[in-house]
C-alpha atoms as a PDB file:
ATOM      1  CA  MET A   1       0.000   0.000   0.000  1.00  0.00           C
ATOM      2  CA  THR A   2       1.280   3.428  -0.925  1.00  0.00           C
ATOM      3  CA  ASP A   3       2.193   5.838   1.881  1.00  0.00           C
ATOM      4  CA  TYR A   4       0.751   9.279   1.167  1.00  0.00           C
ATOM      5  CA  SER A   5       1.730  10.876   4.485  1.00  0.00           C
ATOM      6  CA  ASN A   6       3.960  13.440   2.694  1.00  0.00           C
ATOM      7  CA  TRP A   7       1.651  14.009  -0.296  1.00  0.00           C
ATOM      8  CA  LYS A   8       0.732  17.468  -1.542  1.00  0.00           C
ATOM      9  CA  ILE A   9      -0.413  19.146  -4.754  1.00  0.00           C
ATOM     10  CA  LYS A  10      -0.850  22.750  -5.787  1.00  0.00           C
ATOM     11  CA  GLN A  11      -4.439  23.862  -5.333  1.00  0.00           C
ATOM     12  CA  SER A  12      -4.403  25.130  -8.915  1.00  0.00           C
ATOM     13  CA  ASP A  13      -3.638  21.565 -10.131  1.00  0.00           C
ATOM     14  CA  LEU A  14      -6.675  19.978  -8.451  1.00  0.00           C
ATOM     15  CA  ALA A  15      -8.772  19.716 -11.631  1.00  0.00           C
ATOM     16  CA  GLN A  16      -6.007  17.819 -13.462  1.00  0.00           C
ATOM     17  CA  LYS A  17      -5.198  15.616 -10.441  1.00  0.00           C
ATOM     18  CA  GLN A  18      -8.712  14.890  -9.184  1.00  0.00           C
ATOM     19  CA  GLU A  19      -8.260  11.116  -9.503  1.00  0.00           C
ATOM     20  CA  GLU A  20      -5.029  11.236  -7.471  1.00  0.00           C
ATOM     21  CA  TYR A  21      -6.680  13.495  -4.881  1.00  0.00           C
ATOM     22  CA  THR A  22      -9.552  11.016  -4.551  1.00  0.00           C
ATOM     23  CA  GLU A  23      -7.102   8.120  -4.094  1.00  0.00           C
ATOM     24  CA  VAL A  24      -5.216  10.020  -1.390  1.00  0.00           C
ATOM     25  CA  ALA A  25      -8.461  11.031   0.326  1.00  0.00           C
ATOM     26  CA  GLN A  26      -9.519   7.381   0.397  1.00  0.00           C
ATOM     27  CA  TRP A  27      -6.139   6.446   1.885  1.00  0.00           C
ATOM     28  CA  CYS A  28      -6.658   9.095   4.579  1.00  0.00           C
ATOM     29  CA  ASN A  29     -10.142   7.779   5.352  1.00  0.00           C
ATOM     30  CA  ASP A  30      -8.941   4.182   5.471  1.00  0.00           C
ATOM     31  CA  SER A  31      -6.046   4.959   7.800  1.00  0.00           C
ATOM     32  CA  GLY A  32      -8.005   7.271  10.086  1.00  0.00           C
ATOM     33  CA  GLN A  33      -4.718   8.959  10.947  1.00  0.00           C
ATOM     34  CA  TYR A  34      -4.571  11.691   8.292  1.00  0.00           C
ATOM     35  CA  HIS A  35      -6.704  14.172   6.405  1.00  0.00           C
ATOM     36  CA  ILE A  36      -6.213  16.595   3.521  1.00  0.00           C
ATOM     37  CA  GLU A  37      -6.320  20.313   4.166  1.00  0.00           C
ATOM     38  CA  PRO A  38      -5.258  23.507   2.393  1.00  0.00           C
ATOM     39  CA  VAL A  39      -1.762  24.583   3.407  1.00  0.00           C
ATOM     40  CA  GLY A  40      -0.790  27.804   1.705  1.00  0.00           C
ATOM     41  CA  LYS A  41      -1.085  27.224  -2.051  1.00  0.00           C
ATOM     42  CA  TYR A  42      -1.237  23.440  -1.640  1.00  0.00           C
ATOM     43  CA  TYR A  43      -3.538  20.652  -0.590  1.00  0.00           C
ATOM     44  CA  ALA A  44      -1.498  18.505   1.759  1.00  0.00           C
ATOM     45  CA  VAL A  45      -1.888  15.387   3.855  1.00  0.00           C
ATOM     46  CA  VAL A  46      -1.784  16.323   7.524  1.00  0.00           C
ATOM     47  CA  ALA A  47      -1.745  14.054  10.569  1.00  0.00           C
ATOM     48  CA  ASN A  48      -4.925  14.142  12.638  1.00  0.00           C
ATOM     49  CA  PRO A  49      -4.460  15.657  16.078  1.00  0.00           C
ATOM     50  CA  GLU A  50      -4.317  13.297  19.021  1.00  0.00           C
ATOM     51  CA  PRO A  51      -7.739  13.050  20.615  1.00  0.00           C
ATOM     52  CA  THR A  52      -7.969  14.835  23.908  1.00  0.00           C
ATOM     53  CA  PRO A  53      -8.634  12.524  26.824  1.00  0.00           C
ATOM     54  CA  PRO A  54     -12.110  12.787  28.288  1.00  0.00           C
ATOM     55  CA  THR A  55     -12.579  15.009  31.296  1.00  0.00           C
ATOM     56  CA  TYR A  56     -13.578  13.694  34.701  1.00  0.00           C
ATOM     57  CA  ASP A  57     -17.134  14.991  34.157  1.00  0.00           C
ATOM     58  CA  GLU A  58     -17.397  13.357  30.706  1.00  0.00           C
ATOM     59  CA  VAL A  59     -16.295  10.012  32.147  1.00  0.00           C
ATOM     60  CA  LYS A  60     -18.662  10.421  35.075  1.00  0.00           C
ATOM     61  CA  GLU A  61     -21.578  10.997  32.673  1.00  0.00           C
ATOM     62  CA  LYS A  62     -20.662   7.973  30.512  1.00  0.00           C
ATOM     63  CA  ARG A  63     -20.481   5.788  33.605  1.00  0.00           C
ATOM     64  CA  ALA A  64     -23.868   7.034  34.830  1.00  0.00           C
ATOM     65  CA  GLU A  65     -25.413   6.568  31.371  1.00  0.00           C
ATOM     66  CA  TYR A  66     -24.197   2.973  31.191  1.00  0.00           C
ATOM     67  CA  ARG A  67     -25.591   2.232  34.651  1.00  0.00           C
ATOM     68  CA  ARG A  68     -28.930   3.854  33.716  1.00  0.00           C
ATOM     69  CA  LYS A  69     -29.209   1.654  30.646  1.00  0.00           C
ATOM     70  CA  ASN A  70     -28.090  -1.572  32.303  1.00  0.00           C
ATOM     71  CA  ILE A  71     -29.208  -1.626  35.922  1.00  0.00           C
ATOM     72  CA  ASP A  72     -31.545   1.253  36.823  1.00  0.00           C
ATOM     73  CA  ASP A  73     -34.724  -0.633  35.828  1.00  0.00           C
ATOM     74  CA  LYS A  74     -33.661  -3.560  37.984  1.00  0.00           C
ATOM     75  CA  THR A  75     -32.866  -1.180  40.865  1.00  0.00           C
ATOM     76  CA  ALA A  76     -36.350   0.348  40.598  1.00  0.00           C
ATOM     77  CA  GLU A  77     -37.891  -3.129  40.521  1.00  0.00           C
ATOM     78  CA  ARG A  78     -35.835  -4.040  43.594  1.00  0.00           C
ATOM     79  CA  SER A  79     -37.147  -0.999  45.476  1.00  0.00           C
ATOM     80  CA  ARG A  80     -40.774  -1.748  44.543  1.00  0.00           C
ATOM     81  CA  LYS A  81     -40.543  -5.423  45.478  1.00  0.00           C
ATOM     82  CA  MET A  82     -38.741  -4.664  48.741  1.00  0.00           C
ATOM     83  CA  ALA A  83     -41.482  -2.174  49.643  1.00  0.00           C
ATOM     84  CA  ASN A  84     -44.122  -4.828  48.864  1.00  0.00           C
ATOM     85  CA  GLY A  85     -42.219  -7.565  50.652  1.00  0.00           C
ATOM     86  CA  THR A  86     -41.896  -9.681  47.499  1.00  0.00           C
ATOM     87  CA  TRP A  87     -38.122  -9.337  46.957  1.00  0.00           C
ATOM     88  CA  THR A  88     -36.510 -12.732  47.499  1.00  0.00           C
ATOM     89  CA  GLU A  89     -33.005 -13.834  48.365  1.00  0.00           C
ATOM     90  CA  GLU A  90     -32.730 -15.213  44.838  1.00  0.00           C
ATOM     91  CA  ASP A  91     -33.737 -11.801  43.456  1.00  0.00           C
ATOM     92  CA  GLU A  92     -31.075 -10.198  45.656  1.00  0.00           C
ATOM     93  CA  GLN A  93     -28.399 -12.632  44.450  1.00  0.00           C
ATOM     94  CA  ASP A  94     -29.315 -11.958  40.806  1.00  0.00           C
ATOM     95  CA  TYR A  95     -29.267  -8.226  41.456  1.00  0.00           C
ATOM     96  CA  LEU A  96     -25.875  -8.324  43.160  1.00  0.00           C
ATOM     97  CA  GLU A  97     -24.416 -10.349  40.268  1.00  0.00           C
ATOM     98  CA  LEU A  98     -25.783  -7.838  37.758  1.00  0.00           C
ATOM     99  CA  ASP A  99     -24.436  -4.951  39.826  1.00  0.00           C
ATOM    100  CA  ALA A 100     -20.997  -6.583  39.955  1.00  0.00           C
ATOM    101  CA  GLU A 101     -21.010  -7.116  36.161  1.00  0.00           C
ATOM    102  CA  VAL A 102     -22.086  -3.539  35.466  1.00  0.00           C
ATOM    103  CA  THR A 103     -19.537  -2.142  37.918  1.00  0.00           C
ATOM    104  CA  ALA A 104     -16.712  -4.222  36.416  1.00  0.00           C
ATOM    105  CA  TYR A 105     -17.656  -3.104  32.895  1.00  0.00           C
ATOM    106  CA  VAL A 106     -17.824   0.561  33.914  1.00  0.00           C
ATOM    107  CA  GLU A 107     -14.474   0.433  35.686  1.00  0.00           C
ATOM    108  CA  GLU A 108     -12.791  -1.263  32.720  1.00  0.00           C
ATOM    109  CA  HIS A 109     -14.324   0.779  29.892  1.00  0.00           C
ATOM    110  CA  PHE A 110     -14.770   4.175  31.546  1.00  0.00           C
ATOM    111  CA  PRO A 111     -11.791   4.725  33.850  1.00  0.00           C
ATOM    112  CA  TYR A 112     -11.449   8.121  35.454  1.00  0.00           C
ATOM    113  CA  PRO A 113      -8.536  10.195  34.117  1.00  0.00           C
ATOM    114  CA  GLU A 114      -5.332  10.238  36.130  1.00  0.00           C
ATOM    115  CA  GLY A 115      -4.680  13.310  38.235  1.00  0.00           C
END
C-alpha cells in the first residue's frame, strides 16, 4: 500500500489531479490517521491531532449513562418489590451479580482520568 503521508499538490492543479486526490483522500479515510487540508497554495496530507482525553465529568456521565441503561430498571424493581415484601433472596443474588457485572464493565471501559 502506498504511503501518502507526505503528499501534496498545488491547489491550482486539483482539476487535473482529481483522480489522485480522490485516491489520497480514500487512503486518509482508510487509515483514520490523516486528512487533507489547504496549506498555503497546496492541498497537503496532515496528521490528525491526538484526541484529547475525556474530562472527569465526561467520564462520570458515561459511567452514569451505562448504569442507567443496564441496571436502573432492575434497581427500581428491587425498590418496589422490597417495599411490597416480594423481593426474594434469589432476586437479591441476581441483582448483586448484575451490579458486579455492570460495575466491572464501567471500571474497565470508563476509567477516570489520572490526576
